[in-house]
Amino acid sequence: MIKDAVLGVDVPRVELRKKPAQARSIEKYNRILDKVAELVESGGTDCITTNLIAEKVGVPIGTLYQFFPNKESILYALFERQLEQLDRMFEPFFSEQFDRYSVKELMDQSILSMSSAYETIPGMVNIMNSMHVHPDFRELGAINNAKLAKWLSTVLERRYQGADATQVRSVSDAVIELGDAIFRKLLLNGPKGELKENMLMGFRLAVVALVEAKLT
């Protein structure tokens, strides 16, 4: 059990099994997550049960438990996979080929990629809307944010070679945390047209101002 700082109660840790190594098991494992993603996309996470998943995938409940001990472990594995998909969409923006872009242009491309991720990765919006309520999911999100901040630090170090490394990392952490907060706000409230555009524009302006103030 762990103390949830948000809920103020003890909650169980997410129990995880080792990921399968054999091709047939990997295929079945991914097929389960694919179906769960579809279910989350259509009905959110509250409607998910292990019995429903087994029924929709077409496997005995015992087979499901060979891979996942409970519902939380399945959703955790799906969230982990979604973050990996998100990272693959973002990673190119941290490569040297994008160094010719201004910070504003890079932000524009990143925001487009983030919006595309929410539209194309099945179940991502619904699962991110609910995952903040469990400390293990928040921890997984924090680990991924730290990875993104490290990638961003590498980009900024190339652009601002005279900048202090500690300052660069501080700016990178702030950018990722701000972006995460804004996108979560947009997810929780849904697209609001002009409000959404204003929030994203404010994010871009804040990042450009922060980078110029701290690193130039």
Protein backbone atom coordinates (compact mmCIF):
# COMPACT_ATOMS: atom_id res chain seq x y z
CA MET A 1 0.00 0.00 0.00
CA ILE A 2 1.06 3.61 -0.63
CA LYS A 3 -0.30 6.89 0.66
CA ASP A 4 -1.97 8.91 -2.09
CA ALA A 5 -1.08 12.56 -1.52
CA VAL A 6 -4.10 13.72 -3.54
CA LEU A 7 -6.76 11.41 -2.14
CA GLY A 8 -5.24 11.21 1.35
CA VAL A 9 -5.85 7.47 1.61
CA ASP A 10 -3.87 4.27 1.28
CA VAL A 11 -4.18 2.65 -2.13
CA PRO A 12 -2.65 -0.57 -3.49
CA ARG A 13 0.36 -0.42 -5.78
CA VAL A 14 -0.30 -1.51 -9.34
CA GLU A 15 0.79 -5.13 -9.56
CA LEU A 16 2.63 -5.87 -12.79
CA ARG A 17 3.76 -9.09 -14.41
CA LYS A 18 6.75 -9.39 -16.71
CA LYS A 19 6.03 -8.58 -20.32
CA PRO A 20 5.92 -11.68 -22.55
CA ALA A 21 9.01 -12.58 -24.57
CA GLN A 22 7.69 -15.20 -27.01
CA ALA A 23 6.19 -14.01 -30.29
CA ARG A 24 2.83 -15.72 -29.78
CA SER A 25 2.45 -14.31 -26.28
CA ILE A 26 3.50 -10.85 -27.41
CA GLU A 27 0.84 -10.94 -30.13
CA LYS A 28 -1.84 -11.92 -27.60
CA TYR A 29 -0.61 -9.30 -25.10
CA ASN A 30 -0.84 -6.54 -27.73
CA ARG A 31 -4.23 -7.80 -28.93
CA ILE A 32 -5.55 -7.43 -25.38
CA LEU A 33 -4.23 -3.86 -25.13
CA ASP A 34 -5.64 -3.01 -28.57
CA LYS A 35 -9.11 -4.12 -27.46
CA VAL A 36 -8.82 -2.28 -24.15
CA ALA A 37 -7.86 0.88 -26.04
CA GLU A 38 -11.03 0.52 -28.13
CA LEU A 39 -13.15 0.03 -25.02
CA VAL A 40 -11.59 3.03 -23.28
CA GLU A 41 -12.04 5.14 -26.40
CA SER A 42 -15.76 4.38 -26.56
CA GLY A 43 -16.72 4.25 -22.90
CA GLY A 44 -13.90 5.55 -20.69
CA THR A 45 -12.05 3.62 -18.00
CA ASP A 46 -14.91 3.20 -15.50
CA CYS A 47 -16.72 0.68 -17.70
CA ILE A 48 -13.69 -1.61 -17.97
CA THR A 49 -13.73 -4.96 -16.16
CA THR A 50 -11.51 -8.00 -16.63
CA ASN A 51 -14.53 -10.10 -17.57
CA LEU A 52 -15.56 -7.62 -20.25
CA ILE A 53 -12.04 -7.54 -21.66
CA ALA A 54 -11.77 -11.32 -21.79
CA GLU A 55 -15.15 -11.51 -23.52
CA LYS A 56 -14.30 -8.87 -26.13
CA VAL A 57 -10.84 -10.30 -26.83
CA GLY A 58 -12.26 -13.83 -27.00
CA VAL A 59 -9.96 -15.45 -24.44
CA PRO A 60 -10.66 -17.27 -21.15
CA ILE A 61 -10.39 -15.07 -18.08
CA GLY A 62 -7.51 -17.28 -16.90
CA THR A 63 -5.55 -16.39 -20.04
CA LEU A 64 -6.05 -12.70 -19.31
CA TYR A 65 -4.74 -13.17 -15.76
CA GLN A 66 -1.57 -14.79 -17.13
CA PHE A 67 -0.63 -11.35 -18.44
CA PHE A 68 -2.45 -8.98 -16.07
CA PRO A 69 -3.45 -9.62 -12.44
CA ASN A 70 -6.22 -7.00 -12.41
CA LYS A 71 -7.89 -4.12 -14.24
CA GLU A 72 -5.42 -1.51 -12.93
CA SER A 73 -2.44 -3.40 -14.32
CA ILE A 74 -4.09 -3.53 -17.76
CA LEU A 75 -4.79 0.20 -17.79
CA TYR A 76 -1.26 0.87 -16.55
CA ALA A 77 0.20 -1.20 -19.39
CA LEU A 78 -2.00 0.63 -21.89
CA PHE A 79 -0.97 4.03 -20.50
CA GLU A 80 2.68 2.97 -20.70
CA ARG A 81 2.24 1.94 -24.34
CA GLN A 82 0.44 5.19 -25.17
CA LEU A 83 3.29 7.22 -23.69
CA GLU A 84 5.75 5.23 -25.79
CA GLN A 85 3.67 6.02 -28.89
CA LEU A 86 3.60 9.69 -27.90
CA ASP A 87 7.36 9.74 -27.42
CA ARG A 88 7.92 8.25 -30.88
CA MET A 89 5.86 11.09 -32.33
CA PHE A 90 7.84 13.71 -30.39
CA GLU A 91 11.37 12.33 -30.61
CA PRO A 92 12.10 13.64 -34.14
CA PHE A 93 11.60 17.23 -32.93
CA PHE A 94 14.57 16.82 -30.61
CA SER A 95 16.96 15.76 -33.40
CA GLU A 96 19.56 18.01 -35.01
CA GLN A 97 17.55 18.28 -38.23
CA PHE A 98 15.14 20.61 -36.39
CA ASP A 99 17.89 22.94 -35.12
CA ARG A 100 17.22 25.26 -38.07
CA TYR A 101 13.74 25.98 -36.70
CA SER A 102 13.18 28.88 -34.32
CA VAL A 103 11.90 28.03 -30.85
CA LYS A 104 8.45 29.30 -31.84
CA GLU A 105 8.42 27.16 -35.00
CA LEU A 106 9.55 24.15 -33.02
CA MET A 107 6.76 24.74 -30.51
CA ASP A 108 4.20 25.01 -33.30
CA GLN A 109 5.32 21.67 -34.74
CA SER A 110 5.28 20.04 -31.30
CA ILE A 111 1.77 21.28 -30.53
CA LEU A 112 0.52 19.95 -33.86
CA SER A 113 2.10 16.60 -33.04
CA MET A 114 0.50 16.55 -29.58
CA SER A 115 -2.92 17.34 -31.02
CA SER A 116 -2.44 14.60 -33.60
CA ALA A 117 -1.52 12.13 -30.85
CA TYR A 118 -4.74 12.78 -28.96
CA GLU A 119 -6.72 12.30 -32.17
CA THR A 120 -4.96 9.17 -33.45
CA ILE A 121 -3.89 7.14 -30.39
CA PRO A 122 -7.04 5.18 -29.37
CA GLY A 123 -8.25 5.84 -25.85
CA MET A 124 -5.52 8.35 -24.99
CA VAL A 125 -7.79 11.24 -24.04
CA ASN A 126 -10.00 9.12 -21.76
CA ILE A 127 -7.15 7.29 -20.09
CA MET A 128 -5.18 10.49 -19.40
CA ASN A 129 -8.31 12.09 -17.98
CA SER A 130 -8.57 9.34 -15.37
CA MET A 131 -4.97 8.33 -14.73
CA HIS A 132 -4.17 11.30 -12.49
CA VAL A 133 -6.20 9.72 -9.67
CA HIS A 134 -3.68 6.94 -8.91
CA PRO A 135 -0.13 7.67 -7.69
CA ASP A 136 1.43 4.92 -9.81
CA PHE A 137 -0.01 6.43 -12.96
CA ARG A 138 1.08 9.91 -11.93
CA GLU A 139 4.55 8.54 -11.27
CA LEU A 140 4.66 6.96 -14.73
CA GLY A 141 3.63 10.29 -16.27
CA ALA A 142 6.30 12.10 -14.23
CA ILE A 143 8.99 9.69 -15.41
CA ASN A 144 7.97 10.27 -19.00
CA ASN A 145 7.98 14.05 -18.49
CA ALA A 146 11.51 13.79 -17.09
CA LYS A 147 12.58 11.96 -20.23
CA LEU A 148 11.05 14.66 -22.44
CA ALA A 149 12.77 17.36 -20.37
CA LYS A 150 16.11 15.60 -20.84
CA TRP A 151 15.55 15.51 -24.61
CA LEU A 152 14.63 19.20 -24.60
CA SER A 153 17.75 20.01 -22.59
CA THR A 154 19.86 18.42 -25.32
CA VAL A 155 18.17 20.62 -27.95
CA LEU A 156 18.62 23.81 -25.91
CA GLU A 157 22.26 23.01 -25.13
CA ARG A 158 22.95 22.80 -28.86
CA ARG A 159 21.17 26.10 -29.50
CA TYR A 160 22.56 28.03 -26.55
CA GLN A 161 26.05 26.63 -26.11
CA GLY A 162 27.13 29.32 -23.66
CA ALA A 163 24.21 28.75 -21.30
CA ASP A 164 24.66 27.17 -17.88
CA ALA A 165 23.68 23.49 -17.94
CA THR A 166 21.71 23.78 -14.70
CA GLN A 167 19.77 26.72 -16.10
CA VAL A 168 19.06 24.81 -19.30
CA ARG A 169 17.64 21.87 -17.36
CA SER A 170 15.57 24.21 -15.20
CA VAL A 171 14.04 25.81 -18.31
CA SER A 172 13.42 22.39 -19.87
CA ASP A 173 11.66 21.12 -16.75
CA ALA A 174 9.49 24.26 -16.64
CA VAL A 175 8.52 23.97 -20.32
CA ILE A 176 7.50 20.31 -20.00
CA GLU A 177 5.59 20.87 -16.75
CA LEU A 178 3.77 23.88 -18.23
CA GLY A 179 2.93 21.97 -21.39
CA ASP A 180 1.69 18.99 -19.40
CA ALA A 181 -0.52 21.22 -17.23
CA ILE A 182 -2.01 23.04 -20.21
CA PHE A 183 -2.75 19.92 -22.23
CA ARG A 184 -4.29 18.20 -19.21
CA LYS A 185 -6.50 21.26 -18.70
CA LEU A 186 -7.59 21.08 -22.32
CA LEU A 187 -8.25 17.34 -22.02
CA LEU A 188 -10.33 17.68 -18.88
CA ASN A 189 -12.48 20.46 -20.31
CA GLY A 190 -12.57 19.39 -23.95
CA PRO A 191 -11.89 21.60 -26.97
CA LYS A 192 -13.39 25.06 -26.57
CA GLY A 193 -12.53 26.66 -29.89
CA GLU A 194 -11.16 30.13 -29.25
CA LEU A 195 -10.31 29.32 -25.62
CA LYS A 196 -8.21 26.36 -26.75
CA GLU A 197 -6.38 28.46 -29.33
CA ASN A 198 -5.71 31.19 -26.78
CA MET A 199 -4.31 28.69 -24.28
CA LEU A 200 -2.00 27.16 -26.87
CA MET A 201 -0.91 30.60 -28.06
CA GLY A 202 -0.19 31.58 -24.47
CA PHE A 203 1.87 28.42 -24.06
CA ARG A 204 3.94 29.23 -27.14
CA LEU A 205 4.54 32.82 -26.03
CA ALA A 206 5.44 31.73 -22.49
CA VAL A 207 8.00 29.20 -23.75
CA VAL A 208 9.63 31.67 -26.14
CA ALA A 209 9.77 34.35 -23.41
CA LEU A 210 11.18 31.91 -20.86
CA VAL A 211 13.90 30.64 -23.20
CA GLU A 212 14.92 34.15 -24.29
CA ALA A 213 14.94 35.47 -20.73
CA LYS A 214 16.93 32.61 -19.20
CA LEU A 215 19.23 31.40 -21.99
CA THR A 216 20.13 34.43 -24.13
